[in-house]
Amino acid sequence: MLQRHLATVLLAGTITGSAAPSWADAPLWESWSQPYPQRGEFAPSRQGTLQPRLQLATYSAPAPLSNPIQQGLLDLAHSLEGKSQWERAAPLGNNIANKTLMETVKRLLTWQDSLEPAALERQFDLVSVSSKADSKAQFTGYYTPVLQGSRTRTAQFNIPVYRTPPSNLRRLSHNEIAHGALTGKGLEVAWVNNAYLLYIAQVQGAARIYFTDGSVSTLDYASDNGREFKAISTYLAAKGYKIGALSHNNINRWLLDHPAILPDALLSNPRYIFFNETQESPQTASGHGVIPGHTIAVDSRYIPHGSVLLAELPRLDALGKRQGGTEWRILFAQDHGRAIKGNGRFDLYTGVGGDAESAAYSVTGLHRVFMLVRKPG
């Protein structure tokens, strides 16, 4: 990809020594990074429009990319390519034109220095991003849980996972779906053996599913029934159940020990999520795959999609636990979420499985964040 000026230097080969970015020496994030399918070639800008459009270069067949930072920058460039260069999409916050966002990405693609603030500020303005309540930004994390499943219903795997139904059935209540309103309509994508883990997949918007036939797929968000989301943890707390820490793992263990409570707990959440089965990584709102440790969901009214940010985040060990100290990480504004509202509110994608869940909890909190904007000239 990008056989002209944008890919003349690979970040993986140009950032060395003590200034190396965290992905180069921390196994945590990369251990979650499964090989990403190539996104395909960049398309040329759409023709025949009245407004000038961004156009990067001429492209040939994509080449394998091992550097997640470079992959993220290329994905941002792809999402910006073809947009009106003077469009500004974040009226409530850093309302920067697409042209400037693209120029920032292009400059980073040829960057040959440290990814520390002191080095970056020589060519980029570091625009501080903060929440209303604090001078720092508020982070949470999201991840891809793992499910065990079957392609046919069995005694063990008897909980259906549905694809999007016809339009006349899309607004069924969770209660109606749970009581068979979609049964026999050929909508089952898979059958799973744990209803609470399926709920977690619905909350996170995706799951990796290991089938009994040996195949592995991604269940990715397709649509929902349009009902309000309510967290099961809120229901259990309101009922006064003594669960302890309200982590997903702890709630799952507790509900397995109290199966009579599970149906009402699940139905306390009116929203129901429908899934697509795919072989790709979960897709962001920008149309590209998530990149563990780098993709963030933002409120795009404040932070436009296509932005590059720099955040000081906790350093984590291989299990997703804090190991002391912080590191500067390049982040890509690619996704959104219903709970991600306001300036300085970010949700960081942490990867797949239990260690990624631990990392999601570990990064939750207040952290320093800057938006990178190329300096003129």
Protein backbone atom coordinates (compact mmCIF):
# COMPACT_ATOMS: atom_id res chain seq x y z
CA MET A 1 0.00 0.00 0.00
CA LEU A 2 1.05 3.60 -0.55
CA GLN A 3 3.97 3.00 -2.90
CA ARG A 4 4.77 6.68 -3.21
CA HIS A 5 5.85 9.17 -0.56
CA LEU A 6 3.56 8.00 2.27
CA ALA A 7 5.20 4.62 2.70
CA THR A 8 8.80 5.49 2.02
CA VAL A 9 9.64 4.97 5.68
CA LEU A 10 8.16 2.28 7.91
CA LEU A 11 7.82 3.34 11.52
CA ALA A 12 8.92 -0.11 12.60
CA GLY A 13 12.35 0.40 11.16
CA THR A 14 12.95 4.03 12.00
CA ILE A 15 12.17 4.38 15.70
CA THR A 16 14.97 2.85 17.70
CA GLY A 17 16.77 2.89 21.02
CA SER A 18 15.28 4.29 24.22
CA ALA A 19 12.80 6.33 22.20
CA ALA A 20 11.14 3.22 20.75
CA PRO A 21 7.33 3.24 21.07
CA SER A 22 5.77 0.98 23.66
CA TRP A 23 4.47 -1.54 21.13
CA ALA A 24 8.07 -2.46 20.26
CA ASP A 25 9.06 -3.67 23.73
CA ALA A 26 5.83 -4.48 25.56
CA PRO A 27 4.43 -7.91 24.67
CA LEU A 28 1.03 -7.18 26.19
CA TRP A 29 -0.70 -5.34 23.36
CA GLU A 30 0.93 -7.34 20.62
CA SER A 31 -0.01 -10.64 22.25
CA TRP A 32 -3.61 -9.65 21.63
CA SER A 33 -2.99 -8.52 18.05
CA GLN A 34 -4.12 -11.34 15.80
CA PRO A 35 -3.01 -11.12 12.15
CA TYR A 36 -5.30 -8.58 10.58
CA PRO A 37 -6.71 -9.30 7.13
CA GLN A 38 -5.59 -6.69 4.65
CA ARG A 39 -8.12 -3.91 4.21
CA GLY A 40 -7.79 -3.91 0.44
CA GLU A 41 -6.45 -1.22 -1.86
CA PHE A 42 -7.17 2.44 -1.42
CA ALA A 43 -9.74 3.60 -3.94
CA PRO A 44 -9.20 6.82 -5.87
CA SER A 45 -11.27 9.82 -4.85
CA ARG A 46 -14.83 9.89 -6.08
CA GLN A 47 -15.18 11.90 -9.26
CA GLY A 48 -17.84 14.29 -10.41
CA THR A 49 -18.42 16.02 -7.07
CA LEU A 50 -18.69 19.77 -6.68
CA GLN A 51 -16.41 20.01 -3.64
CA PRO A 52 -12.67 19.31 -3.74
CA ARG A 53 -11.80 15.91 -2.32
CA LEU A 54 -8.77 14.53 -0.56
CA GLN A 55 -6.67 12.18 -2.66
CA LEU A 56 -3.49 10.59 -1.40
CA ALA A 57 -1.70 8.78 -4.18
CA THR A 58 -1.85 5.89 -6.61
CA TYR A 59 -1.94 2.50 -4.94
CA SER A 60 -1.06 -1.06 -5.84
CA ALA A 61 -1.67 -4.39 -4.14
CA PRO A 62 -1.46 -4.19 -0.34
CA ALA A 63 1.64 -5.52 1.38
CA PRO A 64 1.74 -7.21 4.80
CA LEU A 65 2.05 -4.70 7.63
CA SER A 66 3.46 -5.82 10.96
CA ASN A 67 3.50 -2.40 12.58
CA PRO A 68 0.17 -1.64 14.27
CA ILE A 69 0.88 2.10 14.35
CA GLN A 70 1.48 2.21 10.63
CA GLN A 71 -1.62 0.09 10.01
CA GLY A 72 -3.70 2.50 12.08
CA LEU A 73 -2.35 5.51 10.21
CA LEU A 74 -3.09 3.87 6.88
CA ASP A 75 -6.61 3.06 8.05
CA LEU A 76 -7.15 6.69 9.06
CA ALA A 77 -5.85 7.83 5.69
CA HIS A 78 -8.21 5.41 3.97
CA SER A 79 -11.19 6.70 5.94
CA LEU A 80 -10.29 10.34 5.21
CA GLU A 81 -9.53 9.76 1.52
CA GLY A 82 -12.42 10.89 -0.62
CA LYS A 83 -13.95 13.20 1.99
CA SER A 84 -14.38 16.89 1.36
CA GLN A 85 -11.05 18.43 2.37
CA TRP A 86 -12.63 21.49 3.99
CA GLU A 87 -15.34 19.62 5.89
CA ARG A 88 -15.27 20.03 9.67
CA ALA A 89 -17.08 17.26 11.52
CA ALA A 90 -16.64 18.12 15.23
CA PRO A 91 -18.64 21.32 15.84
CA LEU A 92 -18.53 21.09 19.65
CA GLY A 93 -14.80 20.51 20.09
CA ASN A 94 -11.63 20.29 18.00
CA ASN A 95 -13.35 21.22 14.77
CA ILE A 96 -10.43 20.60 12.43
CA ALA A 97 -10.78 20.32 8.66
CA ASN A 98 -10.28 16.92 7.02
CA LYS A 99 -7.40 18.43 5.04
CA THR A 100 -5.49 19.10 8.26
CA LEU A 101 -6.30 15.65 9.65
CA MET A 102 -4.93 14.06 6.47
CA GLU A 103 -1.79 16.19 6.54
CA THR A 104 -1.23 15.13 10.14
CA VAL A 105 -1.53 11.45 9.20
CA LYS A 106 0.81 11.89 6.21
CA ARG A 107 3.46 13.57 8.35
CA LEU A 108 3.26 10.81 10.96
CA LEU A 109 3.65 8.15 8.27
CA THR A 110 7.11 9.56 7.49
CA TRP A 111 8.01 10.40 11.10
CA GLN A 112 11.47 9.17 12.06
CA ASP A 113 11.79 10.31 15.66
CA SER A 114 10.49 9.45 19.11
CA LEU A 115 6.80 9.27 19.90
CA GLU A 116 7.39 11.27 23.08
CA PRO A 117 5.77 14.73 23.48
CA ALA A 118 9.11 16.56 23.51
CA ALA A 119 9.99 15.18 20.08
CA LEU A 120 6.54 15.36 18.50
CA GLU A 121 5.97 18.99 19.44
CA ARG A 122 8.71 20.03 16.98
CA GLN A 123 6.36 19.29 14.08
CA PHE A 124 2.96 18.91 15.74
CA ASP A 125 0.78 21.06 17.96
CA LEU A 126 -0.17 19.05 21.03
CA VAL A 127 -3.72 20.16 21.79
CA SER A 128 -4.72 19.16 25.32
CA VAL A 129 -7.97 17.18 25.59
CA SER A 130 -9.75 17.08 28.94
CA SER A 131 -13.12 16.25 30.44
CA LYS A 132 -15.35 18.83 32.10
CA ALA A 133 -14.68 17.37 35.51
CA ASP A 134 -10.89 17.21 35.31
CA SER A 135 -7.85 18.49 33.44
CA LYS A 136 -7.29 14.93 32.24
CA ALA A 137 -9.45 12.71 30.02
CA GLN A 138 -11.67 9.89 31.27
CA PHE A 139 -10.85 6.43 29.90
CA THR A 140 -12.64 3.10 29.93
CA GLY A 141 -11.75 -0.01 27.92
CA TYR A 142 -13.60 -2.42 25.67
CA TYR A 143 -12.52 -5.81 24.39
CA THR A 144 -13.57 -8.93 22.48
CA PRO A 145 -14.81 -11.76 24.73
CA VAL A 146 -14.44 -15.42 23.76
CA LEU A 147 -17.40 -17.77 23.27
CA GLN A 148 -17.68 -21.51 22.74
CA GLY A 149 -20.32 -22.43 20.19
CA SER A 150 -21.94 -24.91 17.86
CA ARG A 151 -23.38 -24.50 14.39
CA THR A 152 -26.35 -26.68 15.36
CA ARG A 153 -28.42 -26.81 18.52
CA THR A 154 -27.37 -29.47 21.01
CA ALA A 155 -28.16 -30.27 24.63
CA GLN A 156 -25.11 -28.25 25.70
CA PHE A 157 -25.25 -25.48 23.11
CA ASN A 158 -28.88 -24.38 23.22
CA ILE A 159 -28.77 -20.55 23.38
CA PRO A 160 -29.29 -18.98 19.94
CA VAL A 161 -27.27 -16.11 18.48
CA TYR A 162 -29.38 -14.30 15.88
CA ARG A 163 -28.56 -12.35 12.74
CA THR A 164 -30.65 -9.29 11.90
CA PRO A 165 -34.28 -10.34 11.31
CA PRO A 166 -36.64 -8.85 8.71
CA SER A 167 -37.70 -5.28 9.38
CA ASN A 168 -41.09 -6.27 10.84
CA LEU A 169 -39.30 -8.23 13.61
CA ARG A 170 -36.40 -5.93 14.45
CA ARG A 171 -38.11 -4.13 17.33
CA LEU A 172 -39.20 -7.19 19.25
CA SER A 173 -38.61 -6.90 22.97
CA HIS A 174 -35.86 -8.92 24.62
CA ASN A 175 -38.59 -10.81 26.46
CA GLU A 176 -40.34 -11.73 23.19
CA ILE A 177 -37.06 -12.93 21.67
CA ALA A 178 -36.21 -14.95 24.79
CA HIS A 179 -39.59 -16.65 24.58
CA GLY A 180 -39.20 -17.82 21.00
CA ALA A 181 -40.44 -15.02 18.73
CA LEU A 182 -37.55 -15.69 16.30
CA THR A 183 -37.49 -19.47 16.65
CA GLY A 184 -37.71 -21.46 13.41
CA LYS A 185 -37.06 -18.51 11.10
CA GLY A 186 -33.56 -19.59 10.06
CA LEU A 187 -31.88 -16.63 11.74
CA GLU A 188 -29.48 -18.51 14.01
CA VAL A 189 -25.82 -17.60 13.41
CA ALA A 190 -24.63 -19.94 16.16
CA TRP A 191 -25.61 -21.67 19.37
CA VAL A 192 -23.70 -20.98 22.60
CA ASN A 193 -23.62 -22.54 26.06
CA ASN A 194 -23.49 -19.48 28.32
CA ALA A 195 -26.18 -16.80 28.22
CA TYR A 196 -24.26 -14.31 30.36
CA LEU A 197 -21.17 -14.53 28.14
CA LEU A 198 -23.46 -13.83 25.17
CA TYR A 199 -24.70 -10.76 27.05
CA ILE A 200 -21.06 -9.63 27.47
CA ALA A 201 -20.56 -10.06 23.72
CA GLN A 202 -23.62 -7.88 23.15
CA VAL A 203 -22.27 -5.21 25.50
CA GLN A 204 -18.84 -5.25 23.82
CA GLY A 205 -20.32 -5.40 20.32
CA ALA A 206 -18.36 -8.45 19.15
CA ALA A 207 -16.96 -11.84 20.19
CA ARG A 208 -14.55 -14.44 18.98
CA ILE A 209 -16.35 -17.77 18.79
CA TYR A 210 -14.70 -21.21 18.76
CA PHE A 211 -17.02 -23.78 17.18
CA THR A 212 -17.14 -27.46 18.05
CA ASP A 213 -16.24 -28.28 14.43
CA GLY A 214 -12.86 -26.59 14.92
CA SER A 215 -13.63 -23.39 13.02
CA VAL A 216 -13.19 -19.93 14.50
CA SER A 217 -15.13 -16.78 13.57
CA THR A 218 -15.87 -13.28 14.74
CA LEU A 219 -19.39 -12.35 15.73
CA ASP A 220 -19.62 -8.66 14.90
CA TYR A 221 -22.38 -6.19 15.74
CA ALA A 222 -25.01 -6.02 12.98
CA SER A 223 -27.97 -4.16 14.54
CA ASP A 224 -30.15 -4.05 17.65
CA ASN A 225 -33.83 -3.96 18.60
CA GLY A 226 -33.75 -0.24 19.36
CA ARG A 227 -34.53 -0.63 23.05
CA GLU A 228 -32.73 1.05 25.94
CA PHE A 229 -29.64 -0.65 27.35
CA LYS A 230 -29.54 -1.41 31.08
CA ALA A 231 -26.56 -3.10 32.70
CA ILE A 232 -27.19 -6.42 34.44
CA SER A 233 -24.75 -5.33 37.15
CA THR A 234 -27.09 -2.44 37.99
CA TYR A 235 -30.02 -4.85 38.31
CA LEU A 236 -28.09 -7.21 40.58
CA ALA A 237 -26.87 -4.36 42.78
CA ALA A 238 -30.41 -2.95 43.08
CA LYS A 239 -31.64 -6.35 44.20
CA GLY A 240 -29.06 -6.34 46.96
CA TYR A 241 -27.31 -9.54 45.92
CA LYS A 242 -23.94 -10.01 47.62
CA ILE A 243 -21.71 -10.66 44.62
CA GLY A 244 -18.53 -8.79 45.47
CA ALA A 245 -16.67 -7.08 42.66
CA LEU A 246 -19.01 -6.44 39.73
CA SER A 247 -16.55 -7.59 37.08
CA HIS A 248 -17.85 -9.70 34.21
CA ASN A 249 -15.91 -12.74 35.37
CA ASN A 250 -17.22 -12.44 38.92
CA ILE A 251 -20.83 -11.92 37.83
CA ASN A 252 -20.56 -14.89 35.45
CA ARG A 253 -19.29 -17.15 38.24
CA TRP A 254 -21.99 -15.94 40.63
CA LEU A 255 -24.80 -16.48 38.11
CA LEU A 256 -23.53 -19.98 37.35
CA ASP A 257 -23.94 -20.68 41.07
CA HIS A 258 -27.42 -19.05 41.11
CA PRO A 259 -29.06 -20.21 37.84
CA ALA A 260 -32.59 -19.36 39.01
CA ILE A 261 -31.66 -15.66 39.02
CA LEU A 262 -30.14 -15.67 35.53
CA PRO A 263 -33.35 -15.32 33.40
CA ASP A 264 -34.63 -12.25 35.23
CA ALA A 265 -31.14 -10.73 35.29
CA LEU A 266 -30.79 -11.10 31.52
CA LEU A 267 -34.26 -9.72 30.81
CA SER A 268 -33.56 -6.67 32.97
CA ASN A 269 -31.69 -5.39 29.89
CA PRO A 270 -34.30 -4.47 27.22
CA ARG A 271 -31.75 -4.23 24.41
CA TYR A 272 -30.98 -7.20 22.20
CA ILE A 273 -28.04 -7.27 19.76
CA PHE A 274 -27.97 -9.08 16.40
CA PHE A 275 -24.67 -10.31 14.95
CA ASN A 276 -22.95 -11.03 11.66
CA GLU A 277 -20.46 -13.88 11.34
CA THR A 278 -17.18 -12.83 9.73
CA GLN A 279 -13.56 -13.91 9.48
CA GLU A 280 -12.31 -10.35 9.96
CA SER A 281 -11.47 -8.52 13.15
CA PRO A 282 -14.34 -6.51 14.70
CA GLN A 283 -15.07 -3.43 12.63
CA THR A 284 -15.04 0.14 13.88
CA ALA A 285 -17.51 2.85 12.94
CA SER A 286 -14.87 4.10 10.47
CA GLY A 287 -15.09 0.81 8.57
CA HIS A 288 -11.72 -0.68 9.52
CA GLY A 289 -10.66 -3.37 11.95
CA VAL A 290 -9.87 -2.57 15.57
CA ILE A 291 -6.19 -2.35 16.57
CA PRO A 292 -5.55 -3.49 20.17
CA GLY A 293 -4.02 -0.81 22.34
CA HIS A 294 -4.55 1.92 19.72
CA THR A 295 -8.18 2.10 18.54
CA ILE A 296 -10.40 4.38 20.61
CA ALA A 297 -14.09 5.20 20.57
CA VAL A 298 -14.78 8.93 20.83
CA ASP A 299 -17.67 11.35 20.75
CA SER A 300 -17.10 12.57 17.19
CA ARG A 301 -18.95 15.82 17.92
CA TYR A 302 -15.82 16.77 19.88
CA ILE A 303 -13.02 14.62 18.42
CA PRO A 304 -13.37 13.97 14.68
CA HIS A 305 -12.86 10.47 13.36
CA GLY A 306 -9.50 10.43 11.60
CA SER A 307 -7.73 12.16 14.48
CA VAL A 308 -4.48 10.93 16.01
CA LEU A 309 -4.04 11.32 19.75
CA LEU A 310 -1.19 10.82 22.20
CA ALA A 311 -2.08 9.51 25.67
CA GLU A 312 -0.10 8.77 28.81
CA LEU A 313 -1.48 5.40 29.90
CA PRO A 314 -0.54 2.87 32.60
CA ARG A 315 2.11 0.34 31.66
CA LEU A 316 0.56 -3.14 31.82
CA ASP A 317 2.01 -6.62 32.14
CA ALA A 318 1.15 -9.60 29.92
CA LEU A 319 -1.96 -10.34 32.01
CA GLY A 320 -3.39 -6.86 31.61
CA LYS A 321 -2.42 -5.76 35.13
CA ARG A 322 -0.71 -2.49 35.99
CA GLN A 323 3.01 -2.99 36.45
CA GLY A 324 3.90 0.52 37.56
CA GLY A 325 4.75 3.61 35.58
CA THR A 326 3.19 5.00 32.42
CA GLU A 327 3.90 5.02 28.69
CA TRP A 328 2.98 7.32 25.83
CA ARG A 329 0.72 5.65 23.26
CA ILE A 330 -0.48 6.75 19.83
CA LEU A 331 -4.26 6.36 19.59
CA PHE A 332 -6.61 6.44 16.60
CA ALA A 333 -10.09 7.97 16.74
CA GLN A 334 -11.98 5.33 14.75
CA ASP A 335 -15.01 4.21 16.74
CA HIS A 336 -17.96 5.44 18.78
CA GLY A 337 -20.15 4.10 21.55
CA ARG A 338 -23.50 5.02 23.06
CA ALA A 339 -21.89 5.64 26.47
CA ILE A 340 -18.98 7.68 25.06
CA LYS A 341 -20.29 11.21 25.39
CA GLY A 342 -18.53 14.52 25.73
CA ASN A 343 -15.06 15.91 25.24
CA GLY A 344 -12.30 13.99 26.93
CA ARG A 345 -14.26 10.73 27.07
CA PHE A 346 -12.49 7.76 25.45
CA ASP A 347 -12.97 3.99 25.23
CA LEU A 348 -9.77 2.08 24.38
CA TYR A 349 -9.92 -1.27 22.59
CA THR A 350 -7.71 -3.70 24.53
CA GLY A 351 -7.89 -6.96 22.54
CA VAL A 352 -9.31 -10.47 22.85
CA GLY A 353 -10.05 -12.64 25.88
CA GLY A 354 -9.56 -12.53 29.63
CA ASP A 355 -6.26 -10.63 29.69
CA ALA A 356 -7.83 -7.97 27.48
CA GLU A 357 -10.73 -7.71 29.94
CA SER A 358 -8.22 -7.15 32.76
CA ALA A 359 -6.51 -4.48 30.66
CA ALA A 360 -9.85 -2.75 30.08
CA TYR A 361 -10.27 -2.39 33.83
CA SER A 362 -6.63 -1.36 34.26
CA VAL A 363 -6.78 1.55 31.81
CA THR A 364 -10.03 2.88 33.27
CA GLY A 365 -9.40 6.25 34.91
CA LEU A 366 -8.09 9.74 34.23
CA HIS A 367 -5.10 10.17 31.91
CA ARG A 368 -3.33 12.97 30.03
CA VAL A 369 -4.25 13.19 26.33
CA PHE A 370 -3.19 15.42 23.46
CA MET A 371 -4.57 15.64 19.95
CA LEU A 372 -1.76 15.81 17.35
CA VAL A 373 -2.16 18.50 14.68
CA ARG A 374 0.57 19.12 12.14
CA LYS A 375 2.20 22.53 12.32
CA PRO A 376 2.08 24.61 9.12
CA GLY A 377 5.04 24.47 6.81
